[in-house]
PDB file of N, CA and C in Angstrom:
ATOM      1  N   MET A   1     -53.655   3.666  17.044  1.00  0.00           N
ATOM      2  CA  MET A   1     -53.256   3.015  18.228  1.00  0.00           C
ATOM      3  C   MET A   1     -54.953   3.063  19.479  1.00  0.00           C
ATOM      4  N   SER A   2     -54.801   1.104  19.217  1.00  0.00           N
ATOM      5  CA  SER A   2     -55.570   0.973  20.698  1.00  0.00           C
ATOM      6  C   SER A   2     -54.869   0.622  21.320  1.00  0.00           C
ATOM      7  N   ASP A   3     -53.777   0.382  21.487  1.00  0.00           N
ATOM      8  CA  ASP A   3     -53.620  -0.372  23.054  1.00  0.00           C
ATOM      9  C   ASP A   3     -52.337  -0.523  23.183  1.00  0.00           C
ATOM     10  N   ILE A   4     -51.088  -0.663  24.197  1.00  0.00           N
ATOM     11  CA  ILE A   4     -49.925  -0.906  24.484  1.00  0.00           C
ATOM     12  C   ILE A   4     -49.129  -2.054  24.858  1.00  0.00           C
ATOM     13  N   TRP A   5     -48.402  -2.401  24.218  1.00  0.00           N
ATOM     14  CA  TRP A   5     -47.698  -3.323  25.396  1.00  0.00           C
ATOM     15  C   TRP A   5     -46.722  -2.782  27.099  1.00  0.00           C
ATOM     16  N   VAL A   6     -47.039  -3.598  27.824  1.00  0.00           N
ATOM     17  CA  VAL A   6     -46.174  -2.747  28.782  1.00  0.00           C
ATOM     18  C   VAL A   6     -45.262  -3.793  30.049  1.00  0.00           C
ATOM     19  N   PHE A   7     -44.255  -4.032  29.965  1.00  0.00           N
ATOM     20  CA  PHE A   7     -43.055  -4.296  30.861  1.00  0.00           C
ATOM     21  C   PHE A   7     -43.485  -4.792  32.388  1.00  0.00           C
ATOM     22  N   ASN A   8     -43.661  -5.128  33.169  1.00  0.00           N
ATOM     23  CA  ASN A   8     -42.564  -4.365  34.529  1.00  0.00           C
ATOM     24  C   ASN A   8     -41.861  -5.992  34.656  1.00  0.00           C
ATOM     25  N   GLY A   9     -41.011  -5.876  35.245  1.00  0.00           N
ATOM     26  CA  GLY A   9     -39.310  -6.503  35.927  1.00  0.00           C
ATOM     27  C   GLY A   9     -39.886  -6.930  37.036  1.00  0.00           C
ATOM     28  N   ASN A  10     -39.006  -8.406  37.283  1.00  0.00           N
ATOM     29  CA  ASN A  10     -40.033  -8.841  38.571  1.00  0.00           C
ATOM     30  C   ASN A  10     -39.271  -7.706  39.595  1.00  0.00           C
ATOM     31  N   LYS A  11     -40.005  -7.712  40.752  1.00  0.00           N
ATOM     32  CA  LYS A  11     -39.930  -7.225  41.770  1.00  0.00           C
ATOM     33  C   LYS A  11     -39.875  -5.016  41.967  1.00  0.00           C
ATOM     34  N   ALA A  12     -40.039  -5.347  40.080  1.00  0.00           N
ATOM     35  CA  ALA A  12     -40.050  -3.656  39.950  1.00  0.00           C
ATOM     36  C   ALA A  12     -41.402  -2.524  40.653  1.00  0.00           C
ATOM     37  N   HIS A  13     -41.094  -1.726  41.143  1.00  0.00           N
ATOM     38  CA  HIS A  13     -42.887  -0.742  41.455  1.00  0.00           C
ATOM     39  C   HIS A  13     -42.771  -0.340  39.599  1.00  0.00           C
ATOM     40  N   PHE A  14     -42.480   0.059  39.293  1.00  0.00           N
ATOM     41  CA  PHE A  14     -42.731   0.637  37.782  1.00  0.00           C
ATOM     42  C   PHE A  14     -42.650   0.337  36.377  1.00  0.00           C
ATOM     43  N   PRO A  15     -43.272   0.236  35.626  1.00  0.00           N
ATOM     44  CA  PRO A  15     -42.732  -0.096  34.228  1.00  0.00           C
ATOM     45  C   PRO A  15     -41.557  -0.132  34.366  1.00  0.00           C
ATOM     46  N   SER A  16     -40.459  -0.890  33.100  1.00  0.00           N
ATOM     47  CA  SER A  16     -39.237  -0.461  32.684  1.00  0.00           C
ATOM     48  C   SER A  16     -39.290  -0.667  31.294  1.00  0.00           C
ATOM     49  N   GLY A  17     -40.569  -0.689  30.782  1.00  0.00           N
ATOM     50  CA  GLY A  17     -41.013  -0.454  29.038  1.00  0.00           C
ATOM     51  C   GLY A  17     -42.068  -0.091  28.790  1.00  0.00           C
ATOM     52  N   VAL A  18     -42.273  -0.150  27.899  1.00  0.00           N
ATOM     53  CA  VAL A  18     -43.324   0.350  27.093  1.00  0.00           C
ATOM     54  C   VAL A  18     -43.365   0.387  25.347  1.00  0.00           C
ATOM     55  N   PHE A  19     -44.371  -0.506  24.578  1.00  0.00           N
ATOM     56  CA  PHE A  19     -43.568  -0.904  23.491  1.00  0.00           C
ATOM     57  C   PHE A  19     -45.381  -1.002  22.620  1.00  0.00           C
ATOM     58  N   SER A  20     -44.898  -0.251  21.521  1.00  0.00           N
ATOM     59  CA  SER A  20     -45.936  -0.383  20.383  1.00  0.00           C
ATOM     60  C   SER A  20     -46.690  -1.221  19.762  1.00  0.00           C
ATOM     61  N   SER A  21     -45.810  -2.409  19.856  1.00  0.00           N
ATOM     62  CA  SER A  21     -45.517  -3.744  19.396  1.00  0.00           C
ATOM     63  C   SER A  21     -45.720  -5.158  20.166  1.00  0.00           C
ATOM     64  N   LEU A  22     -46.090  -6.429  20.213  1.00  0.00           N
ATOM     65  CA  LEU A  22     -45.449  -7.324  20.888  1.00  0.00           C
ATOM     66  C   LEU A  22     -43.990  -7.814  20.612  1.00  0.00           C
ATOM     67  N   GLU A  23     -44.018  -7.480  19.162  1.00  0.00           N
ATOM     68  CA  GLU A  23     -42.644  -7.970  18.544  1.00  0.00           C
ATOM     69  C   GLU A  23     -41.511  -7.463  19.004  1.00  0.00           C
ATOM     70  N   ASN A  24     -41.836  -5.578  19.138  1.00  0.00           N
ATOM     71  CA  ASN A  24     -40.748  -4.490  20.165  1.00  0.00           C
ATOM     72  C   ASN A  24     -40.733  -5.146  21.138  1.00  0.00           C
ATOM     73  N   ALA A  25     -41.499  -5.435  21.839  1.00  0.00           N
ATOM     74  CA  ALA A  25     -41.435  -5.621  23.421  1.00  0.00           C
ATOM     75  C   ALA A  25     -40.148  -7.149  23.514  1.00  0.00           C
ATOM     76  N   LYS A  26     -40.752  -8.563  22.629  1.00  0.00           N
ATOM     77  CA  LYS A  26     -40.124  -9.307  22.872  1.00  0.00           C
ATOM     78  C   LYS A  26     -39.111  -9.435  22.617  1.00  0.00           C
ATOM     79  N   GLU A  27     -38.332  -8.635  21.841  1.00  0.00           N
ATOM     80  CA  GLU A  27     -37.561  -8.547  21.443  1.00  0.00           C
ATOM     81  C   GLU A  27     -36.541  -8.179  22.116  1.00  0.00           C
ATOM     82  N   TRP A  28     -37.019  -7.128  22.768  1.00  0.00           N
ATOM     83  CA  TRP A  28     -36.256  -6.134  23.902  1.00  0.00           C
ATOM     84  C   TRP A  28     -35.807  -7.127  25.455  1.00  0.00           C
ATOM     85  N   ILE A  29     -37.025  -7.916  26.050  1.00  0.00           N
ATOM     86  CA  ILE A  29     -36.464  -9.033  26.791  1.00  0.00           C
ATOM     87  C   ILE A  29     -35.663  -9.954  26.807  1.00  0.00           C
ATOM     88  N   GLU A  30     -35.842  -9.945  25.320  1.00  0.00           N
ATOM     89  CA  GLU A  30     -34.705 -11.479  25.389  1.00  0.00           C
ATOM     90  C   GLU A  30     -33.320 -10.937  24.794  1.00  0.00           C
ATOM     91  N   LYS A  31     -33.054  -9.695  24.046  1.00  0.00           N
ATOM     92  CA  LYS A  31     -32.115  -8.614  24.262  1.00  0.00           C
ATOM     93  C   LYS A  31     -31.576  -8.700  25.778  1.00  0.00           C
ATOM     94  N   ASN A  32     -31.977  -8.472  26.455  1.00  0.00           N
ATOM     95  CA  ASN A  32     -31.739  -7.935  27.753  1.00  0.00           C
ATOM     96  C   ASN A  32     -31.343  -8.863  29.298  1.00  0.00           C
ATOM     97  N   LYS A  33     -32.504 -10.049  28.622  1.00  0.00           N
ATOM     98  CA  LYS A  33     -32.761 -11.217  29.486  1.00  0.00           C
ATOM     99  C   LYS A  33     -33.333 -11.089  30.612  1.00  0.00           C
ATOM    100  N   LEU A  34     -34.494 -10.887  30.740  1.00  0.00           N
ATOM    101  CA  LEU A  34     -35.137 -10.296  31.369  1.00  0.00           C
ATOM    102  C   LEU A  34     -36.075 -10.853  32.118  1.00  0.00           C
ATOM    103  N   SER A  35     -36.760 -10.710  33.395  1.00  0.00           N
ATOM    104  CA  SER A  35     -37.738 -12.003  33.701  1.00  0.00           C
ATOM    105  C   SER A  35     -38.757 -11.080  33.911  1.00  0.00           C
ATOM    106  N   GLY A  36     -39.586 -11.259  33.955  1.00  0.00           N
ATOM    107  CA  GLY A  36     -41.196  -9.941  34.339  1.00  0.00           C
ATOM    108  C   GLY A  36     -42.283 -10.719  33.607  1.00  0.00           C
ATOM    109  N   ILE A  37     -43.966  -9.915  33.177  1.00  0.00           N
ATOM    110  CA  ILE A  37     -44.247  -9.942  32.934  1.00  0.00           C
ATOM    111  C   ILE A  37     -45.104  -8.838  31.893  1.00  0.00           C
ATOM    112  N   LEU A  38     -44.989  -9.273  30.860  1.00  0.00           N
ATOM    113  CA  LEU A  38     -45.706  -7.940  29.499  1.00  0.00           C
ATOM    114  C   LEU A  38     -47.253  -8.454  29.097  1.00  0.00           C
ATOM    115  N   THR A  39     -47.452  -7.084  29.579  1.00  0.00           N
ATOM    116  CA  THR A  39     -49.079  -6.812  29.708  1.00  0.00           C
ATOM    117  C   THR A  39     -49.880  -6.190  28.863  1.00  0.00           C
ATOM    118  N   LYS A  40     -50.840  -6.824  27.639  1.00  0.00           N
ATOM    119  CA  LYS A  40     -51.683  -5.858  26.752  1.00  0.00           C
ATOM    120  C   LYS A  40     -52.380  -4.905  27.157  1.00  0.00           C
ATOM    121  N   TYR A  41     -52.022  -3.396  27.491  1.00  0.00           N
ATOM    122  CA  TYR A  41     -52.798  -2.681  27.794  1.00  0.00           C
ATOM    123  C   TYR A  41     -53.429  -1.780  26.923  1.00  0.00           C
ATOM    124  N   PRO A  42     -55.333  -1.692  27.286  1.00  0.00           N
ATOM    125  CA  PRO A  42     -56.170  -0.491  26.334  1.00  0.00           C
ATOM    126  C   PRO A  42     -55.210   0.903  26.556  1.00  0.00           C
ATOM    127  N   ILE A  43     -55.933   1.665  25.642  1.00  0.00           N
ATOM    128  CA  ILE A  43     -55.514   3.238  25.387  1.00  0.00           C
ATOM    129  C   ILE A  43     -56.906   4.157  25.737  1.00  0.00           C
ATOM    130  N   ASP A  44     -56.592   4.902  26.570  1.00  0.00           N
ATOM    131  CA  ASP A  44     -57.731   5.620  27.449  1.00  0.00           C
ATOM    132  C   ASP A  44     -58.999   4.986  27.970  1.00  0.00           C
ATOM    133  N   ILE A  45     -58.654   4.048  28.441  1.00  0.00           N
ATOM    134  CA  ILE A  45     -59.194   3.660  29.693  1.00  0.00           C
ATOM    135  C   ILE A  45     -58.642   3.246  30.193  1.00  0.00           C
ATOM    136  N   GLY A  46     -59.570   2.833  31.655  1.00  0.00           N
ATOM    137  CA  GLY A  46     -58.817   2.402  32.369  1.00  0.00           C
ATOM    138  C   GLY A  46     -58.760   0.779  33.247  1.00  0.00           C
ATOM    139  N   VAL A  47     -58.371   0.235  33.173  1.00  0.00           N
ATOM    140  CA  VAL A  47     -58.275  -1.694  33.263  1.00  0.00           C
ATOM    141  C   VAL A  47     -59.496  -1.662  33.582  1.00  0.00           C
ATOM    142  N   TYR A  48     -59.799  -0.449  35.358  1.00  0.00           N
ATOM    143  CA  TYR A  48     -61.000  -1.221  36.024  1.00  0.00           C
ATOM    144  C   TYR A  48     -62.018  -1.293  34.815  1.00  0.00           C
ATOM    145  N   ASP A  49     -62.226  -0.237  34.407  1.00  0.00           N
ATOM    146  CA  ASP A  49     -63.210   0.644  32.950  1.00  0.00           C
ATOM    147  C   ASP A  49     -63.528  -0.195  32.520  1.00  0.00           C
ATOM    148  N   TRP A  50     -62.616  -0.983  31.662  1.00  0.00           N
ATOM    149  CA  TRP A  50     -62.108  -1.832  30.808  1.00  0.00           C
ATOM    150  C   TRP A  50     -63.029  -3.314  30.610  1.00  0.00           C
ATOM    151  N   ALA A  51     -62.912  -3.591  32.394  1.00  0.00           N
ATOM    152  CA  ALA A  51     -62.840  -5.429  32.583  1.00  0.00           C
ATOM    153  C   ALA A  51     -63.997  -5.230  32.984  1.00  0.00           C
ATOM    154  N   VAL A  52     -65.219  -3.968  33.624  1.00  0.00           N
ATOM    155  CA  VAL A  52     -66.355  -4.375  33.933  1.00  0.00           C
ATOM    156  C   VAL A  52     -67.218  -4.004  32.374  1.00  0.00           C
ATOM    157  N   GLN A  53     -67.000  -3.114  31.559  1.00  0.00           N
ATOM    158  CA  GLN A  53     -67.217  -3.193  29.983  1.00  0.00           C
ATOM    159  C   GLN A  53     -67.165  -4.681  29.286  1.00  0.00           C
ATOM    160  N   ASN A  54     -65.934  -4.952  29.443  1.00  0.00           N
ATOM    161  CA  ASN A  54     -65.993  -6.713  28.925  1.00  0.00           C
ATOM    162  C   ASN A  54     -66.610  -7.465  29.497  1.00  0.00           C
ATOM    163  N   ASN A  55     -67.239  -7.202  30.883  1.00  0.00           N
ATOM    164  CA  ASN A  55     -67.778  -8.634  31.056  1.00  0.00           C
ATOM    165  C   ASN A  55     -66.841  -9.501  31.908  1.00  0.00           C
ATOM    166  N   PHE A  56     -65.840  -8.656  32.134  1.00  0.00           N
ATOM    167  CA  PHE A  56     -64.457  -9.847  33.121  1.00  0.00           C
ATOM    168  C   PHE A  56     -64.859  -9.298  34.235  1.00  0.00           C
ATOM    169  N   PHE A  57     -65.061  -8.195  34.787  1.00  0.00           N
ATOM    170  CA  PHE A  57     -65.638  -8.292  36.266  1.00  0.00           C
ATOM    171  C   PHE A  57     -66.694  -7.257  36.648  1.00  0.00           C
ATOM    172  N   SER A  58     -67.479  -7.788  37.354  1.00  0.00           N
ATOM    173  CA  SER A  58     -68.364  -7.222  38.327  1.00  0.00           C
ATOM    174  C   SER A  58     -68.533  -6.910  39.722  1.00  0.00           C
ATOM    175  N   PRO A  59     -68.414  -5.406  39.857  1.00  0.00           N
ATOM    176  CA  PRO A  59     -68.271  -4.802  41.633  1.00  0.00           C
ATOM    177  C   PRO A  59     -69.130  -5.634  42.223  1.00  0.00           C
ATOM    178  N   ASN A  60     -69.498  -6.183  43.108  1.00  0.00           N
ATOM    179  CA  ASN A  60     -70.474  -7.104  44.075  1.00  0.00           C
ATOM    180  C   ASN A  60     -70.112  -6.587  45.721  1.00  0.00           C
ATOM    181  N   HIS A  61     -69.884  -4.866  45.656  1.00  0.00           N
ATOM    182  CA  HIS A  61     -69.423  -4.355  47.326  1.00  0.00           C
ATOM    183  C   HIS A  61     -69.215  -3.528  46.707  1.00  0.00           C
ATOM    184  N   GLU A  62     -69.936  -2.585  47.722  1.00  0.00           N
ATOM    185  CA  GLU A  62     -69.187  -1.180  47.618  1.00  0.00           C
ATOM    186  C   GLU A  62     -68.230  -1.480  47.472  1.00  0.00           C
ATOM    187  N   LYS A  63     -67.043  -1.476  48.279  1.00  0.00           N
ATOM    188  CA  LYS A  63     -65.954  -1.266  48.195  1.00  0.00           C
ATOM    189  C   LYS A  63     -64.724  -1.504  47.636  1.00  0.00           C
ATOM    190  N   GLN A  64     -65.776  -2.277  46.352  1.00  0.00           N
ATOM    191  CA  GLN A  64     -65.075  -2.252  45.168  1.00  0.00           C
ATOM    192  C   GLN A  64     -65.374  -1.290  43.671  1.00  0.00           C
ATOM    193  N   LYS A  65     -65.987   0.057  44.246  1.00  0.00           N
ATOM    194  CA  LYS A  65     -66.415   0.882  44.005  1.00  0.00           C
ATOM    195  C   LYS A  65     -65.626   2.663  44.071  1.00  0.00           C
ATOM    196  N   LEU A  66     -64.853   1.634  45.609  1.00  0.00           N
ATOM    197  CA  LEU A  66     -64.233   2.669  45.921  1.00  0.00           C
ATOM    198  C   LEU A  66     -62.366   3.424  45.381  1.00  0.00           C
ATOM    199  N   PRO A  67     -62.000   4.226  45.164  1.00  0.00           N
ATOM    200  CA  PRO A  67     -60.878   4.705  44.217  1.00  0.00           C
ATOM    201  C   PRO A  67     -59.966   4.130  44.370  1.00  0.00           C
ATOM    202  N   ALA A  68     -59.555   3.274  46.039  1.00  0.00           N
ATOM    203  CA  ALA A  68     -58.368   2.522  46.372  1.00  0.00           C
ATOM    204  C   ALA A  68     -58.728   1.987  45.713  1.00  0.00           C
ATOM    205  N   PHE A  69     -59.499   0.757  45.283  1.00  0.00           N
ATOM    206  CA  PHE A  69     -59.734  -0.193  45.073  1.00  0.00           C
ATOM    207  C   PHE A  69     -59.759  -0.158  43.164  1.00  0.00           C
ATOM    208  N   ILE A  70     -59.980   0.822  42.758  1.00  0.00           N
ATOM    209  CA  ILE A  70     -60.205   0.846  41.325  1.00  0.00           C
ATOM    210  C   ILE A  70     -58.813   1.481  40.948  1.00  0.00           C
ATOM    211  N   GLY A  71     -57.921   1.816  42.070  1.00  0.00           N
ATOM    212  CA  GLY A  71     -56.496   2.876  41.297  1.00  0.00           C
ATOM    213  C   GLY A  71     -55.855   1.592  41.468  1.00  0.00           C
ATOM    214  N   SER A  72     -55.878   0.506  42.300  1.00  0.00           N
ATOM    215  CA  SER A  72     -54.978  -1.054  42.189  1.00  0.00           C
ATOM    216  C   SER A  72     -55.558  -1.828  41.302  1.00  0.00           C
ATOM    217  N   PHE A  73     -56.800  -1.553  40.638  1.00  0.00           N
ATOM    218  CA  PHE A  73     -57.352  -3.091  39.824  1.00  0.00           C
ATOM    219  C   PHE A  73     -56.288  -3.112  39.083  1.00  0.00           C
ATOM    220  N   THR A  74     -55.933  -5.010  39.221  1.00  0.00           N
ATOM    221  CA  THR A  74     -55.942  -5.660  37.389  1.00  0.00           C
ATOM    222  C   THR A  74     -56.390  -6.481  37.173  1.00  0.00           C
ATOM    223  N   SER A  75     -56.581  -6.811  36.249  1.00  0.00           N
ATOM    224  CA  SER A  75     -57.302  -8.282  35.959  1.00  0.00           C
ATOM    225  C   SER A  75     -56.596  -9.255  34.491  1.00  0.00           C
ATOM    226  N   ALA A  76     -56.544 -10.579  35.129  1.00  0.00           N
ATOM    227  CA  ALA A  76     -56.251 -11.502  34.359  1.00  0.00           C
ATOM    228  C   ALA A  76     -56.520 -11.657  33.389  1.00  0.00           C
ATOM    229  N   SER A  77     -57.583 -10.784  33.149  1.00  0.00           N
ATOM    230  CA  SER A  77     -57.962 -11.786  31.862  1.00  0.00           C
ATOM    231  C   SER A  77     -57.474 -10.385  30.498  1.00  0.00           C
ATOM    232  N   MET A  78     -56.386  -9.272  30.932  1.00  0.00           N
ATOM    233  CA  MET A  78     -55.540  -9.152  29.743  1.00  0.00           C
ATOM    234  C   MET A  78     -54.956  -9.748  29.146  1.00  0.00           C
ATOM    235  N   GLU A  79     -54.300 -10.032  28.086  1.00  0.00           N
ATOM    236  CA  GLU A  79     -53.411 -10.793  27.328  1.00  0.00           C
ATOM    237  C   GLU A  79     -52.108 -10.470  28.046  1.00  0.00           C
ATOM    238  N   HIS A  80     -51.199 -11.210  28.398  1.00  0.00           N
ATOM    239  CA  HIS A  80     -50.264 -11.290  28.872  1.00  0.00           C
ATOM    240  C   HIS A  80     -49.109 -12.565  28.993  1.00  0.00           C
ATOM    241  N   TYR A  81     -47.651 -12.221  29.112  1.00  0.00           N
ATOM    242  CA  TYR A  81     -46.643 -13.233  29.111  1.00  0.00           C
ATOM    243  C   TYR A  81     -45.862 -13.068  30.085  1.00  0.00           C
ATOM    244  N   HIS A  82     -45.236 -13.905  30.346  1.00  0.00           N
ATOM    245  CA  HIS A  82     -44.408 -14.081  31.649  1.00  0.00           C
ATOM    246  C   HIS A  82     -43.384 -14.474  30.954  1.00  0.00           C
ATOM    247  N   PHE A  83     -42.016 -13.552  31.529  1.00  0.00           N
ATOM    248  CA  PHE A  83     -40.720 -14.156  30.726  1.00  0.00           C
ATOM    249  C   PHE A  83     -39.362 -14.896  32.158  1.00  0.00           C
ATOM    250  N   LEU A  84     -38.712 -15.486  31.535  1.00  0.00           N
ATOM    251  CA  LEU A  84     -37.759 -15.910  32.154  1.00  0.00           C
ATOM    252  C   LEU A  84     -36.977 -15.800  31.886  1.00  0.00           C
ATOM    253  N   ASP A  85     -35.073 -14.848  32.209  1.00  0.00           N
ATOM    254  CA  ASP A  85     -34.524 -14.454  31.843  1.00  0.00           C
ATOM    255  C   ASP A  85     -34.433 -14.700  30.020  1.00  0.00           C
ATOM    256  N   GLY A  86     -35.754 -13.845  29.825  1.00  0.00           N
ATOM    257  CA  GLY A  86     -35.514 -13.048  28.257  1.00  0.00           C
ATOM    258  C   GLY A  86     -36.353 -14.815  27.706  1.00  0.00           C
ATOM    259  N   LYS A  87     -36.878 -15.379  28.098  1.00  0.00           N
ATOM    260  CA  LYS A  87     -37.470 -16.511  27.329  1.00  0.00           C
ATOM    261  C   LYS A  87     -38.762 -16.463  27.712  1.00  0.00           C
ATOM    262  N   GLU A  88     -40.045 -16.388  27.167  1.00  0.00           N
ATOM    263  CA  GLU A  88     -41.344 -16.777  27.018  1.00  0.00           C
ATOM    264  C   GLU A  88     -41.692 -17.654  28.092  1.00  0.00           C
ATOM    265  N   ASP A  89     -42.118 -18.126  29.535  1.00  0.00           N
ATOM    266  CA  ASP A  89     -41.964 -19.194  30.456  1.00  0.00           C
ATOM    267  C   ASP A  89     -43.338 -19.657  30.320  1.00  0.00           C
TER     268      ASP A  89
END
């Protein structure tokens, strides 16, 4: 397994579901009529490092190399889907 699917509900501070397949995740989201974002995350690599390695991001300032920045980094280049009331938006 090289990646997983993580669901973050609207206004949630932490993920509410982690899935091994897109199909399982979508089924759970639809069944529970959830709203939020489902994102495909790589395993065994941070999003920051993944984005740099795949040329989606290049740090241009020293502050972009600091732990606070790296620890809160996310990338719109990651495969993701938006849901509203269990339906793909």
